[in-house]
């Protein structure tokens, strides 16, 4: 039973993850065409990295000592700006 539950949950998560990556990749490609995001980034891989930052934030929030918004937001913005623009 546990294996069936795990498999079902994995399939649902995989479906939503794929949809999220594809949607963000479409946005990134549009931003690349407009010259807002560097063209040397592969859209799907970049989307997966950006989404991993979101998941990292969720994990940080449940840590024993969460990183405050005052520290998290400027750090992520610097990272994204230096990497993508």
C-alpha atoms as a PDB file:
ATOM      1  CA  UNK A   1       0.000   0.000   0.000  1.00  0.00           C
ATOM      2  CA  UNK A   2       2.706   2.499   0.907  1.00  0.00           C
ATOM      3  CA  UNK A   3       4.424   1.854  -2.419  1.00  0.00           C
ATOM      4  CA  UNK A   4       1.203   2.644  -4.323  1.00  0.00           C
ATOM      5  CA  UNK A   5       0.702   5.846  -2.365  1.00  0.00           C
ATOM      6  CA  UNK A   6       4.307   6.876  -2.960  1.00  0.00           C
ATOM      7  CA  UNK A   7       4.042   6.109  -6.675  1.00  0.00           C
ATOM      8  CA  UNK A   8       0.786   8.031  -7.006  1.00  0.00           C
ATOM      9  CA  UNK A   9       2.163  11.039  -5.187  1.00  0.00           C
ATOM     10  CA  UNK A  10       5.363  10.942  -7.240  1.00  0.00           C
ATOM     11  CA  UNK A  11       3.373  10.885 -10.483  1.00  0.00           C
ATOM     12  CA  UNK A  12       1.264  13.859  -9.412  1.00  0.00           C
ATOM     13  CA  UNK A  13       4.296  15.828  -8.267  1.00  0.00           C
ATOM     14  CA  UNK A  14       6.150  14.993 -11.481  1.00  0.00           C
ATOM     15  CA  UNK A  15       3.193  16.200 -13.554  1.00  0.00           C
ATOM     16  CA  UNK A  16       2.977  19.512 -11.695  1.00  0.00           C
ATOM     17  CA  UNK A  17       6.744  19.972 -11.711  1.00  0.00           C
ATOM     18  CA  UNK A  18       6.828  19.454 -15.475  1.00  0.00           C
ATOM     19  CA  UNK A  19       4.005  21.939 -15.977  1.00  0.00           C
ATOM     20  CA  UNK A  20       5.753  24.493 -13.766  1.00  0.00           C
ATOM     21  CA  UNK A  21       9.084  24.092 -15.549  1.00  0.00           C
ATOM     22  CA  UNK A  22       7.448  24.364 -18.970  1.00  0.00           C
ATOM     23  CA  UNK A  23       5.470  27.473 -18.001  1.00  0.00           C
ATOM     24  CA  UNK A  24       8.508  29.213 -16.528  1.00  0.00           C
ATOM     25  CA  UNK A  25      10.639  28.164 -19.519  1.00  0.00           C
ATOM     26  CA  UNK A  26       8.085  29.803 -21.834  1.00  0.00           C
ATOM     27  CA  UNK A  27       8.338  33.018 -19.803  1.00  0.00           C
ATOM     28  CA  UNK A  28      12.134  32.853 -19.900  1.00  0.00           C
ATOM     29  CA  UNK A  29      12.155  32.363 -23.690  1.00  0.00           C
ATOM     30  CA  UNK A  30       9.913  35.396 -24.094  1.00  0.00           C
ATOM     31  CA  UNK A  31      12.207  37.420 -21.819  1.00  0.00           C
ATOM     32  CA  UNK A  32      15.185  36.243 -23.877  1.00  0.00           C
ATOM     33  CA  UNK A  33      13.537  37.381 -27.122  1.00  0.00           C
ATOM     34  CA  UNK A  34      12.849  40.772 -25.519  1.00  0.00           C
ATOM     35  CA  UNK A  35      16.463  41.067 -24.370  1.00  0.00           C
ATOM     36  CA  UNK A  36      15.580  41.007 -20.680  1.00  0.00           C
ATOM     37  CA  UNK A  37      17.243  37.650 -19.939  1.00  0.00           C
ATOM     38  CA  UNK A  38      20.543  36.478 -21.378  1.00  0.00           C
ATOM     39  CA  UNK A  39      20.181  34.194 -24.386  1.00  0.00           C
ATOM     40  CA  UNK A  40      22.970  31.811 -23.356  1.00  0.00           C
ATOM     41  CA  UNK A  41      20.777  30.147 -20.719  1.00  0.00           C
ATOM     42  CA  UNK A  42      18.850  27.011 -21.666  1.00  0.00           C
ATOM     43  CA  UNK A  43      15.235  27.768 -20.760  1.00  0.00           C
ATOM     44  CA  UNK A  44      14.103  24.478 -19.178  1.00  0.00           C
ATOM     45  CA  UNK A  45      17.268  24.004 -17.141  1.00  0.00           C
ATOM     46  CA  UNK A  46      17.138  27.622 -15.968  1.00  0.00           C
ATOM     47  CA  UNK A  47      13.484  27.206 -15.034  1.00  0.00           C
ATOM     48  CA  UNK A  48      14.365  24.148 -12.942  1.00  0.00           C
ATOM     49  CA  UNK A  49      17.101  26.111 -11.148  1.00  0.00           C
ATOM     50  CA  UNK A  50      14.763  29.024 -10.417  1.00  0.00           C
ATOM     51  CA  UNK A  51      12.101  26.654  -9.092  1.00  0.00           C
ATOM     52  CA  UNK A  52      14.704  24.986  -6.892  1.00  0.00           C
ATOM     53  CA  UNK A  53      15.248  28.398  -5.287  1.00  0.00           C
ATOM     54  CA  UNK A  54      11.530  28.498  -4.464  1.00  0.00           C
ATOM     55  CA  UNK A  55      11.696  25.041  -2.905  1.00  0.00           C
ATOM     56  CA  UNK A  56      14.823  26.072  -1.040  1.00  0.00           C
ATOM     57  CA  UNK A  57      12.883  28.956   0.445  1.00  0.00           C
ATOM     58  CA  UNK A  58      10.175  26.585   1.638  1.00  0.00           C
ATOM     59  CA  UNK A  59      12.772  24.370   3.277  1.00  0.00           C
ATOM     60  CA  UNK A  60      14.432  27.391   4.859  1.00  0.00           C
ATOM     61  CA  UNK A  61      11.106  28.432   6.358  1.00  0.00           C
ATOM     62  CA  UNK A  62      10.804  25.128   8.227  1.00  0.00           C
ATOM     63  CA  UNK A  63      14.418  25.123   9.447  1.00  0.00           C
ATOM     64  CA  UNK A  64      15.160  25.563  13.133  1.00  0.00           C
ATOM     65  CA  UNK A  65      16.559  29.007  12.326  1.00  0.00           C
ATOM     66  CA  UNK A  66      14.796  30.245   9.175  1.00  0.00           C
ATOM     67  CA  UNK A  67      16.494  32.872   7.046  1.00  0.00           C
ATOM     68  CA  UNK A  68      14.572  36.130   7.326  1.00  0.00           C
ATOM     69  CA  UNK A  69      13.029  37.863   4.308  1.00  0.00           C
ATOM     70  CA  UNK A  70      15.432  40.747   4.951  1.00  0.00           C
ATOM     71  CA  UNK A  71      18.328  38.391   4.216  1.00  0.00           C
ATOM     72  CA  UNK A  72      16.716  36.063   1.679  1.00  0.00           C
ATOM     73  CA  UNK A  73      15.216  38.535  -0.799  1.00  0.00           C
ATOM     74  CA  UNK A  74      18.307  40.695  -1.470  1.00  0.00           C
ATOM     75  CA  UNK A  75      20.462  37.592  -1.786  1.00  0.00           C
ATOM     76  CA  UNK A  76      18.160  35.916  -4.307  1.00  0.00           C
ATOM     77  CA  UNK A  77      17.752  39.149  -6.271  1.00  0.00           C
ATOM     78  CA  UNK A  78      21.533  39.622  -6.499  1.00  0.00           C
ATOM     79  CA  UNK A  79      21.934  36.024  -7.583  1.00  0.00           C
ATOM     80  CA  UNK A  80      19.240  36.219 -10.270  1.00  0.00           C
ATOM     81  CA  UNK A  81      20.368  39.611 -11.543  1.00  0.00           C
ATOM     82  CA  UNK A  82      24.006  38.551 -11.808  1.00  0.00           C
ATOM     83  CA  UNK A  83      23.133  35.263 -13.450  1.00  0.00           C
ATOM     84  CA  UNK A  84      20.316  36.104 -15.852  1.00  0.00           C
ATOM     85  CA  UNK A  85      20.702  39.750 -16.871  1.00  0.00           C
END
